Protein backbone atom coordinates (compact mmCIF):
# COMPACT_ATOMS: atom_id res chain seq x y z
CA MET A 1 0.11 -0.08 0.08
CA LYS A 2 2.77 2.39 0.98
CA LYS A 3 4.57 1.76 -2.51
CA ILE A 4 1.36 2.48 -4.51
CA HIS A 5 0.96 6.21 -2.25
CA LEU A 6 4.12 6.69 -3.27
CA LEU A 7 4.09 5.94 -7.04
CA LEU A 8 0.94 8.52 -6.73
CA LEU A 9 2.90 10.98 -4.92
CA LYS A 10 5.55 11.09 -7.48
CA SER A 11 2.86 11.23 -10.50
CA PHE A 12 1.55 13.79 -9.08
CA ILE A 13 4.76 16.52 -7.50
CA ARG A 14 6.73 16.44 -10.68
CA PRO A 15 3.47 17.40 -13.01
CA PHE A 16 2.42 20.03 -10.42
CA ALA A 17 5.34 21.93 -10.03
CA VAL A 18 5.97 21.92 -14.29
CA THR A 19 2.55 23.04 -14.29
CA LEU A 20 3.04 25.73 -11.80
CA PHE A 21 5.96 27.26 -13.23
CA ILE A 22 4.66 27.39 -16.73
CA VAL A 23 1.44 28.93 -15.11
CA MET A 24 3.29 31.26 -13.51
CA PHE A 25 5.54 32.41 -16.55
CA VAL A 26 2.62 33.21 -18.44
CA LEU A 27 0.54 34.78 -16.59
CA LEU A 28 4.18 37.40 -15.69
CA MET A 29 4.40 37.46 -19.21
CA LEU A 30 1.16 38.68 -19.47
CA PHE A 31 2.32 41.49 -16.46
CA LEU A 32 5.08 42.44 -18.82
CA PHE A 33 3.07 42.70 -22.00
CA LYS A 34 0.70 44.49 -20.23
CA TYR A 35 3.29 47.33 -18.46
CA ILE A 36 5.93 47.09 -21.35
CA ASP A 37 5.11 50.64 -22.31
CA ASP A 38 6.03 51.78 -18.44
CA LEU A 39 9.23 49.37 -17.99
CA ILE A 40 11.46 49.84 -21.05
CA GLY A 41 13.50 53.27 -21.87
CA LYS A 42 13.26 54.38 -18.16
CA GLY A 43 16.79 53.32 -17.34
CA PHE A 44 15.88 51.16 -14.38
CA ALA A 45 18.07 49.21 -12.70
CA TRP A 46 18.35 45.34 -13.62
CA TYR A 47 17.40 44.44 -9.91
CA THR A 48 14.36 46.65 -10.22
CA ILE A 49 13.00 45.05 -12.67
CA LEU A 50 13.69 41.61 -11.57
CA GLU A 51 12.03 42.44 -8.25
CA LEU A 52 8.64 43.72 -9.60
CA MET A 53 8.34 40.20 -11.13
CA LEU A 54 9.06 39.03 -7.81
CA TYR A 55 6.25 40.40 -6.63
CA ASN A 56 4.39 40.30 -9.56
CA SER A 57 4.64 36.47 -9.04
CA ALA A 58 4.04 36.08 -5.64
CA THR A 59 0.17 37.97 -6.74
CA ASN A 60 -0.01 35.37 -8.78
CA VAL A 61 -0.66 32.56 -7.06
CA ALA A 62 -4.10 32.91 -6.02
CA MET A 63 -5.02 32.41 -9.97
CA ALA A 64 -1.91 29.84 -10.46
CA LEU A 65 -2.58 27.23 -7.58
CA PRO A 66 -6.15 26.30 -7.91
CA LEU A 67 -5.15 25.91 -12.06
CA SER A 68 -2.30 24.55 -11.38
CA VAL A 69 -3.92 21.60 -8.77
CA LEU A 70 -6.64 21.10 -11.73
CA LEU A 71 -4.47 20.59 -14.60
CA SER A 72 -1.36 18.60 -12.71
CA THR A 73 -4.39 16.05 -11.14
CA ILE A 74 -5.87 15.38 -14.35
CA MET A 75 -2.98 14.30 -15.97
CA THR A 76 -1.26 12.12 -12.85
CA TYR A 77 -4.56 10.11 -12.98
CA GLY A 78 -5.07 10.71 -16.61
CA SER A 79 -1.58 9.35 -17.05
CA LEU A 80 -2.09 6.59 -14.57
CA GLY A 81 -5.24 5.44 -16.21
CA GLU A 82 -3.47 5.40 -19.96
CA ASN A 83 -0.97 3.35 -19.12
CA TYR A 84 -3.44 0.90 -17.02
CA GLU A 85 -1.70 1.56 -13.59
CA LEU A 86 -5.34 2.21 -12.77
CA VAL A 87 -6.43 -1.48 -13.41
CA ALA A 88 -3.51 -3.12 -11.86
CA ILE A 89 -4.56 -0.56 -8.65
CA LYS A 90 -8.00 -1.87 -9.03
CA ALA A 91 -7.39 -5.28 -9.73
CA ALA A 92 -5.31 -5.45 -6.29
CA GLY A 93 -8.53 -5.13 -4.29
CA ILE A 94 -7.57 -1.22 -3.73
CA SER A 95 -10.59 1.02 -4.98
CA LEU A 96 -10.56 4.59 -6.13
CA ARG A 97 -10.90 6.42 -3.21
CA ARG A 98 -8.76 4.48 -1.10
CA ALA A 99 -6.20 5.37 -3.82
CA MET A 100 -6.64 9.10 -3.15
CA TYR A 101 -6.50 9.11 0.00
CA PRO A 102 -2.38 10.48 -0.38
CA MET A 103 -3.55 13.11 -2.68
CA ILE A 104 -6.30 14.01 -0.53
CA VAL A 105 -3.91 14.82 2.04
CA VAL A 106 -0.96 16.49 -0.06
CA VAL A 107 -3.95 18.84 -1.41
CA SER A 108 -5.21 19.44 1.84
CA VAL A 109 -1.75 20.43 3.02
CA LEU A 110 -1.71 22.92 -0.18
CA SER A 111 -4.85 24.34 0.90
CA ILE A 112 -3.63 25.46 4.42
CA SER A 113 -0.76 26.16 3.05
CA ALA A 114 -2.70 28.77 0.69
CA PHE A 115 -4.90 30.12 3.15
CA PHE A 116 -1.57 31.25 5.47
CA PHE A 117 0.21 32.21 2.47
CA SER A 118 -3.11 35.04 1.51
CA ASP A 119 -3.27 35.81 5.16
CA TYR A 120 0.45 36.72 5.71
CA MET A 121 2.55 36.99 2.81
CA LEU A 122 0.13 37.88 -0.03
CA PRO A 123 -0.70 41.20 2.05
CA VAL A 124 3.10 42.21 2.14
CA ALA A 125 3.36 41.28 -1.52
CA ASN A 126 0.72 43.17 -2.75
CA LEU A 127 2.22 46.18 -1.05
CA LYS A 128 5.51 45.64 -2.44
CA TYR A 129 4.02 44.84 -5.92
CA PHE A 130 1.53 47.82 -5.89
CA SER A 131 4.14 50.53 -4.71
CA LEU A 132 7.03 49.93 -6.38
CA LEU A 133 4.59 49.23 -10.45
CA TYR A 134 3.25 52.97 -8.80
CA ASP A 135 6.13 54.39 -8.73
CA ALA A 136 7.51 52.61 -11.94
CA ARG A 137 5.00 53.86 -13.77
CA GLN A 138 5.73 58.05 -12.38
CA GLN A 139 9.12 57.69 -13.55
CA LYS A 140 9.97 60.02 -16.50
CA SER A 141 11.24 58.51 -19.45
CA ALA A 142 15.29 58.20 -20.00
CA ASP A 143 15.85 59.16 -23.48
CA LEU A 144 16.41 62.71 -22.06
CA LEU A 145 16.72 64.47 -25.59
CA PRO A 146 14.01 62.71 -28.22
CA GLU A 147 15.38 63.35 -31.84
CA GLY A 148 12.23 66.61 -33.68
CA VAL A 149 10.67 67.07 -30.33
CA PHE A 150 10.50 69.98 -27.54
CA SER A 151 10.93 67.94 -24.73
CA ARG A 152 10.11 69.76 -20.98
CA ASN A 153 11.93 66.93 -18.98
CA PHE A 154 13.94 68.60 -16.99
CA PRO A 155 12.50 71.84 -15.21
CA ASP A 156 12.04 75.33 -16.51
CA TYR A 157 13.78 73.94 -19.40
CA THR A 158 12.21 73.71 -23.07
CA ILE A 159 15.24 71.96 -25.66
CA ARG A 160 14.55 70.55 -28.76
CA VAL A 161 17.73 68.50 -30.95
CA LYS A 162 16.80 68.27 -34.62
CA ARG A 163 18.98 65.14 -34.93
CA LYS A 164 21.53 62.91 -33.01
CA ASP A 165 24.17 60.57 -34.07
CA PRO A 166 22.99 57.05 -33.79
CA ASP A 167 25.65 56.53 -30.56
CA GLY A 168 23.05 59.51 -28.99
CA GLN A 169 26.23 61.59 -27.81
CA ARG A 170 26.46 63.95 -30.57
CA LEU A 171 23.65 66.46 -31.06
CA TYR A 172 22.97 68.84 -33.79
CA ASP A 173 20.61 71.77 -34.12
CA ILE A 174 19.64 72.40 -30.77
CA MET A 175 17.61 74.86 -29.47
CA ILE A 176 16.73 75.68 -25.58
CA TYR A 177 14.16 77.98 -23.95
CA GLN A 178 15.57 78.66 -20.76
CA LYS A 179 12.00 80.40 -18.11
CA SER A 180 13.26 83.25 -16.29
CA SER A 181 12.30 84.84 -12.68
CA ASP A 182 9.19 86.10 -13.62
CA GLY A 183 7.92 82.51 -15.81
CA ASN A 184 8.55 83.60 -19.45
CA ASN A 185 10.82 82.03 -22.09
CA THR A 186 13.07 84.89 -22.57
CA ILE A 187 16.34 83.46 -22.29
CA VAL A 188 16.78 81.69 -26.24
CA THR A 189 20.41 79.46 -26.88
CA ILE A 190 20.80 78.04 -30.01
CA ALA A 191 23.88 76.05 -31.17
CA ARG A 192 24.77 74.31 -34.45
CA GLU A 193 25.80 70.78 -32.24
CA GLY A 194 27.06 69.95 -28.92
CA LEU A 195 28.23 66.64 -26.81
CA MET A 196 25.54 65.60 -24.18
CA PHE A 197 27.49 63.47 -21.21
CA ARG A 198 26.52 62.56 -17.41
CA THR A 199 28.32 63.74 -14.28
CA MET A 200 29.95 60.78 -12.28
CA GLY A 201 26.85 59.46 -10.08
CA ASP A 202 24.10 60.31 -12.63
CA LYS A 203 23.78 63.58 -10.51
CA TYR A 204 24.27 66.39 -13.80
CA LEU A 205 23.74 66.11 -17.62
CA VAL A 206 26.23 68.18 -19.30
CA LEU A 207 25.74 69.71 -23.03
CA LYS A 208 28.78 70.78 -24.50
CA LEU A 209 27.14 73.41 -27.33
CA LYS A 210 29.59 74.78 -29.99
CA ASP A 211 28.86 77.88 -32.87
CA GLY A 212 26.06 79.27 -31.08
CA VAL A 213 24.43 82.42 -29.69
CA ARG A 214 22.50 83.33 -26.60
CA TYR A 215 19.18 85.83 -26.33
CA GLU A 216 18.70 87.00 -23.22
CA GLU A 217 15.44 90.03 -22.63
CA SER A 218 14.99 91.89 -19.55
CA PRO A 219 13.75 95.42 -18.29
CA SER A 220 15.97 98.09 -18.06
CA GLU A 221 17.34 98.94 -15.10
CA ASN A 222 16.55 102.31 -12.92
CA VAL A 223 13.57 103.17 -14.49
CA GLN A 224 9.80 102.85 -12.49
CA TRP A 225 7.28 102.84 -14.92
CA ASN A 226 7.48 101.63 -18.80
CA PRO A 227 10.28 99.62 -18.74
CA ARG A 228 11.54 99.21 -21.54
CA GLN A 229 12.83 95.71 -22.90
CA VAL A 230 16.66 95.52 -23.11
CA LEU A 231 18.11 92.24 -25.27
CA ARG A 232 21.32 91.07 -25.14
CA ARG A 233 22.73 88.87 -27.25
CA PHE A 234 25.93 86.83 -27.17
CA ARG A 235 28.19 84.52 -29.43
CA PHE A 236 30.30 81.42 -28.67
CA LYS A 237 32.45 79.22 -30.10
CA GLU A 238 31.79 76.79 -27.30
CA THR A 239 29.99 76.69 -23.89
CA GLU A 240 28.07 74.33 -21.82
CA GLN A 241 24.87 73.80 -19.45
CA LYS A 242 24.26 71.93 -16.79
CA PHE A 243 21.13 70.05 -15.77
CA ASP A 244 19.61 68.10 -12.71
CA LEU A 245 19.17 64.83 -12.94
CA SER A 246 17.76 64.27 -9.60
CA SER A 247 14.17 63.69 -10.95
CA PHE A 248 15.15 60.74 -13.28
CA LYS A 249 16.14 58.77 -10.04
CA LEU A 250 13.79 56.17 -8.84
CA LYS A 251 11.88 58.06 -5.91
CA ARG A 252 9.84 55.24 -3.72
CA THR A 253 6.47 56.59 -2.50
CA ASP A 254 6.17 56.09 1.26
CA GLU A 255 4.40 52.14 1.66
CA ASN A 256 2.05 53.61 4.59
CA GLU A 257 0.41 55.67 2.04
CA PHE A 258 -0.47 52.39 0.15
CA LYS A 259 -1.60 50.21 3.65
CA SER A 260 -5.45 51.12 3.74
CA ALA A 261 -6.05 49.26 0.59
CA SER A 262 -7.92 45.87 1.06
CA GLN A 263 -5.45 43.95 -0.55
CA MET A 264 -2.80 45.16 1.49
CA MET A 265 -4.31 43.78 4.83
CA ASN A 266 -4.11 40.73 6.65
CA LEU A 267 -7.67 38.83 8.27
CA LYS A 268 -7.42 40.47 11.15
CA GLN A 269 -6.82 43.76 10.11
CA LEU A 270 -9.52 43.66 7.65
CA ARG A 271 -12.19 42.44 10.58
CA GLY A 272 -10.94 45.50 12.62
CA PHE A 273 -11.83 47.82 9.26
CA ILE A 274 -14.69 46.61 9.02
CA ASP A 275 -16.00 46.50 12.46
CA SER A 276 -14.88 49.94 12.95
CA VAL A 277 -16.47 51.58 9.89
CA GLN A 278 -19.76 49.19 10.74
CA THR A 279 -20.12 51.21 13.77
CA GLN A 280 -19.13 54.04 12.30
CA VAL A 281 -22.26 54.01 10.10
CA ASP A 282 -24.92 52.74 12.69
CA GLY A 283 -23.60 55.95 14.55
CA THR A 284 -24.73 58.17 11.38
CA LEU A 285 -27.79 56.45 11.45
CA SER A 286 -28.74 56.89 14.90
CA THR A 287 -27.98 61.08 14.48
CA ASN A 288 -30.06 61.14 11.37
CA TYR A 289 -32.86 61.68 13.04
CA LYS A 290 -31.52 64.41 15.29
CA MET A 291 -30.26 66.20 12.59
CA LEU A 292 -33.81 66.21 10.47
CA THR A 293 -35.46 67.09 13.50
CA PRO A 294 -34.93 70.93 13.36
CA TYR A 295 -35.50 71.08 9.81
CA ILE A 296 -39.37 69.22 10.58
CA LYS A 297 -42.03 71.98 12.65
CA TYR A 298 -45.13 70.47 14.87
CA PHE A 299 -47.11 71.75 16.53
CA SER A 300 -49.01 69.44 19.48
CA LEU A 301 -52.50 70.41 20.75
CA PRO A 302 -52.70 69.58 24.61
CA ALA A 303 -55.63 67.57 26.03
CA LYS A 304 -59.25 69.47 26.91
CA SER A 305 -58.56 70.73 30.15
CA ALA A 306 -60.81 73.38 32.32
CA ALA A 307 -58.39 75.92 31.57
CA ILE A 308 -59.03 76.00 28.10
CA LYS A 309 -62.46 77.91 27.48
CA ARG A 310 -62.85 76.97 24.07
CA PHE A 311 -61.60 74.92 21.49
CA ILE A 312 -61.76 75.89 17.61
CA PRO A 313 -62.16 72.63 15.40
CA ALA A 314 -60.00 72.07 12.73
CA ASP A 315 -61.45 72.81 9.33
CA LYS A 316 -62.41 69.32 7.36
CA GLY A 317 -61.64 70.59 3.78
CA GLY A 318 -57.76 71.17 4.92
CA VAL A 319 -55.54 73.72 6.97
CA LEU A 320 -54.77 75.98 4.05
CA LYS A 321 -58.79 76.68 3.61
CA SER A 322 -58.73 78.05 6.87
CA MET A 323 -55.92 80.45 5.91
CA LYS A 324 -55.71 83.82 3.82
CA LEU A 325 -54.32 83.59 0.59
CA THR A 326 -51.48 85.35 1.29
CA GLU A 327 -50.97 83.10 4.17
CA GLN A 328 -51.15 80.11 1.84
CA ILE A 329 -48.73 81.82 0.19
CA MET A 330 -46.47 81.65 2.96
CA ALA A 331 -47.39 78.38 3.70
CA LEU A 332 -46.63 76.57 0.84
CA SER A 333 -43.27 78.38 0.49
CA THR A 334 -42.17 77.64 3.65
CA ALA A 335 -43.47 74.15 3.26
CA SER A 336 -40.93 73.91 0.09
CA SER A 337 -38.04 75.73 1.35
CA GLU A 338 -38.36 73.18 4.28
CA VAL A 339 -38.55 70.36 1.49
CA ARG A 340 -35.37 71.15 0.04
CA SER A 341 -33.40 71.76 2.80
CA ILE A 342 -34.30 67.64 4.29
CA LYS A 343 -34.03 66.58 0.60
CA ASP A 344 -29.97 68.11 0.51
CA VAL A 345 -29.70 66.77 4.12
CA VAL A 346 -31.10 63.00 3.29
CA LYS A 347 -28.93 63.28 0.12
CA ASN A 348 -25.73 64.17 1.61
CA ARG A 349 -26.13 61.26 4.66
CA THR A 350 -27.49 58.58 1.93
CA ASP A 351 -24.22 58.90 -0.64
CA ARG A 352 -21.62 59.15 2.37
CA TYR A 353 -23.76 55.78 3.54
CA ASN A 354 -23.77 53.75 0.17
CA SER A 355 -19.90 55.07 0.13
CA ASP A 356 -19.70 53.38 3.84
CA SER A 357 -21.66 50.29 2.39
CA MET A 358 -19.57 49.74 -0.53
CA THR A 359 -16.35 50.00 0.93
CA ILE A 360 -17.78 47.21 3.89
CA ARG A 361 -18.94 44.94 1.01
CA ARG A 362 -14.94 45.33 -0.85
CA TYR A 363 -13.39 44.79 2.56
CA ALA A 364 -15.82 41.77 3.76
CA SER A 365 -15.05 40.50 0.33
CA GLU A 366 -11.52 40.41 0.92
CA VAL A 367 -12.00 38.31 3.86
CA GLN A 368 -14.05 35.97 1.93
CA LYS A 369 -10.80 35.41 -0.03
CA LYS A 370 -8.72 34.19 2.01
CA PHE A 371 -10.63 31.43 2.33
CA THR A 372 -12.05 30.73 -0.81
CA LEU A 373 -8.44 29.99 -2.07
CA SER A 374 -8.40 27.21 0.03
CA ALA A 375 -11.66 25.53 -0.97
CA ALA A 376 -10.88 26.47 -5.25
CA CYS A 377 -7.86 24.08 -4.42
CA ILE A 378 -10.14 21.33 -3.16
CA ALA A 379 -12.77 21.68 -5.28
CA LEU A 380 -10.75 21.80 -8.50
CA PHE A 381 -9.12 18.65 -6.79
CA LEU A 382 -12.55 16.57 -6.29
CA ILE A 383 -13.13 17.25 -10.34
CA GLY A 384 -9.47 16.73 -11.71
CA ALA A 385 -8.61 13.25 -10.32
CA PRO A 386 -12.10 11.59 -11.59
CA LEU A 387 -11.83 13.32 -14.68
CA GLY A 388 -8.47 11.75 -15.14
CA ALA A 389 -9.29 8.66 -13.77
CA ILE A 390 -12.00 8.37 -16.31
CA ILE A 391 -11.12 10.09 -19.78
CA ARG A 392 -7.57 8.42 -19.19
CA LYS A 393 -5.68 10.67 -20.97
CA GLY A 394 -2.06 11.85 -20.02
CA GLY A 395 0.74 14.35 -21.16
CA LEU A 396 -0.50 18.22 -21.90
CA GLY A 397 -3.04 17.34 -24.57
CA LEU A 398 -6.46 16.91 -23.52
CA PRO A 399 -5.99 17.22 -19.69
CA VAL A 400 -4.79 21.24 -20.66
CA VAL A 401 -8.39 21.89 -22.67
CA ILE A 402 -10.47 20.26 -20.15
CA SER A 403 -8.69 21.92 -17.40
CA VAL A 404 -8.76 25.34 -19.31
CA ILE A 405 -12.68 25.17 -19.41
CA PHE A 406 -13.33 23.88 -16.10
CA PHE A 407 -10.88 26.98 -14.59
CA LEU A 408 -12.88 29.17 -16.58
CA ILE A 409 -16.40 28.22 -15.13
CA TYR A 410 -14.85 28.50 -11.76
CA TYR A 411 -13.17 32.28 -12.67
CA ILE A 412 -16.54 33.12 -14.48
CA ILE A 413 -18.44 32.38 -11.73
CA SER A 414 -16.18 34.20 -9.02
CA THR A 415 -15.88 37.02 -11.35
CA ILE A 416 -19.64 37.82 -11.29
CA GLY A 417 -20.15 36.65 -7.88
CA GLU A 418 -17.42 39.26 -6.35
CA LYS A 419 -19.25 42.06 -8.67
CA SER A 420 -22.32 41.36 -7.49
CA VAL A 421 -21.21 41.60 -3.83
CA ARG A 422 -19.43 44.82 -4.59
CA ALA A 423 -22.66 46.06 -6.39
CA GLY A 424 -24.40 45.03 -3.05
CA ASN A 425 -27.09 42.55 -5.35
CA VAL A 426 -26.05 39.53 -3.04
CA SER A 427 -24.57 38.83 0.24
CA THR A 428 -21.38 38.79 1.10
CA PHE A 429 -20.98 35.14 1.48
CA PHE A 430 -23.03 33.49 -1.40
CA GLY A 431 -21.51 35.87 -3.54
CA MET A 432 -17.97 34.75 -2.61
CA TRP A 433 -18.62 31.34 -2.70
CA VAL A 434 -20.98 30.87 -5.05
CA ALA A 435 -18.30 29.25 -7.22
CA ILE A 436 -17.61 26.71 -4.80
CA ILE A 437 -21.30 26.12 -4.21
CA VAL A 438 -21.61 24.88 -7.87
CA LEU A 439 -17.61 23.53 -8.55
CA THR A 440 -18.25 20.91 -5.50
CA PRO A 441 -21.43 18.98 -6.42
CA ILE A 442 -19.97 18.09 -10.03
CA GLY A 443 -16.87 17.05 -8.50
CA LEU A 444 -18.28 14.53 -6.25
CA PHE A 445 -20.28 13.22 -9.46
CA LEU A 446 -17.44 12.48 -11.32
CA SER A 447 -15.63 11.41 -8.16
CA TYR A 448 -19.07 8.73 -7.65
CA LYS A 449 -18.87 7.97 -11.67
CA ALA A 450 -15.18 7.36 -11.85
CA ALA A 451 -15.28 4.95 -8.28
CA THR A 452 -18.10 3.13 -10.04
CA ASP A 453 -16.03 2.81 -13.99
CA SER A 454 -18.84 5.10 -15.08
CA VAL A 455 -18.07 5.72 -19.12
CA ILE A 456 -19.64 9.18 -19.21
CA PHE A 457 -16.86 10.03 -21.78
CA ASP A 458 -16.91 7.43 -23.89
CA ILE A 459 -17.82 8.54 -27.77
CA GLU A 460 -19.66 5.20 -28.77
CA ILE A 461 -21.98 5.30 -25.68
CA TYR A 462 -23.11 8.09 -27.02
CA LYS A 463 -23.26 7.44 -30.85
CA ARG A 464 -24.93 3.96 -29.65
CA PHE A 465 -27.34 5.95 -28.26
CA PHE A 466 -27.80 8.78 -31.23
CA ASN A 467 -28.59 6.12 -33.42
CA LYS A 468 -30.89 4.24 -31.18
CA LEU A 469 -33.05 8.15 -31.10
CA ILE A 470 -32.96 8.16 -35.14
CA ARG A 471 -34.15 5.05 -35.88
CA ARG A 472 -37.17 5.25 -33.45
CA LYS A 473 -37.65 8.68 -35.57
CA SER A 474 -37.60 6.98 -38.73
CA ASN A 475 -39.50 4.01 -37.70
């Protein structure tokens, strides 16, 4: 029995490691294709790109792990069935359910590990990843002086280079506009050619200009009214201008600014945040009546007593009929003003309540995600293992197609459920667990069919069935 368990474990670990690597690689390529324009050409160090890819890989575990479990189990049991090893196991008096015990233990350990990963490591990875990606996307391009474009990469300067050598060092037909103290472009430098290089430590960019002229406008001196402009012109054979490169270095934003997002919190922090927001919402609801009371004017009449000589009965036709025309107009104007004030107050309070409720639903759905990842691994295993035993095909052919179909069903249902939760259409628990609720009965049904040697995927049986139907219709 131990040899059979070792055989199953060896048959599962290798496909699982390979499929997990392939899925992670594909998701990483999707990330690079999506943000290639934000990363290329900005002068990042190689370790910065590697760090970003590492954090992205950690955030992809929530999608890659269930798919890898599904695909590897189909491949494992499909390969065993294709090589008639499952037949030999059953011939030895060992049922399929008993043969699945070591796999169930391994998948259970993976599910528990996935929960702890999503609760402890994933929030840290999300924080590092999104903060670094935000800073990378905000970074300026490393192409400081593109050809034929008025570049404003440097503060207070607008520079145009008509042509550059292939090495990017020698420049031709250079025009530099520099802002003066009053914010106008009154200083212009034109040069026929120039040489561009950086100082040690990439602190400054130096332009060594040749054969040019510098124009500068400034107000005349010692004139209090209607100052005339003074134009100065300087010709030079060679001069240098330095530009600060500090704005082109990657500046890291404080990570504390991202910690309030739901993806950056663990289970304890999420529940604490939800409780605080819920307390705030409950307090707001209790104060709504107190805020609306000053806008509602009403009068209460005391009970009839001996002190009151005579009561004036109310007009059954309405209160307004007992008033004069001017009093009616004033009463209606006052009432409409009070209604508008109440509507404004209620609208502001309603918008705030809806915003807080949406925040609670978003954070509550993140709480359920911590558990659905583990449940998804078990549910997809219950589908993959019997499917592999039924179809009896190993490798990366038919198992890949079937696993992708079931994973797409799981992903689409879970996405629709999550969006419905955040929109407030369904409860948080049902919306986040609907995919597991749908797939688990399918997995149990397939497990039953595999244990009873069902031929549910035998094409010949379906051909015979449809041929019988055609014959009956023809008769």
